[in-house]
Amino acid sequence: MDAFCGAGSFLIAAEELKRRWIGIDCGKFAIYTTQKRLLNLKDEKRKPIACNPFTLHNAGLYDYKMIKELPWEQYRDFALRLFQCRDERHEISKIERTATWEQTASWSSITRNTKMP
């Protein structure tokens, strides 16, 4: 998984290695560039290679300023619904993993206090 896939180099490498992949980017240009690169794969002899089928999901256009100013509970609910996530505890290698309210609240404050270019 590449959460900032940009031009898709990680995804291209994963595809060439026949690995499953997930790419995420908030930039429309980055998504279209990645899509074009995946659809135009070539082998070392410049012969076209068929890419495995993939889907492109658009999370929509949102008012960033409005979302940034949402109270934490509403922002969290928005993000969970957007990505169709469930808020539940889970285990990895028999170790329970869950973020506490304090941890997620501090992540939010870091994000909210970061100035966007």
Foldseek 3Di string as FASTA:
>chain_A
DAQDCQLNPVVLVCQVVVHDDDYHHPDPVRVVNNVVCQCQDADPVRHGDHTDDDDDDDLDDDDVVVLLPDPPVVNVVVVCVSVVHDQDWDDDPNHIDHDDPVRVVVVSVVVSPDDDD
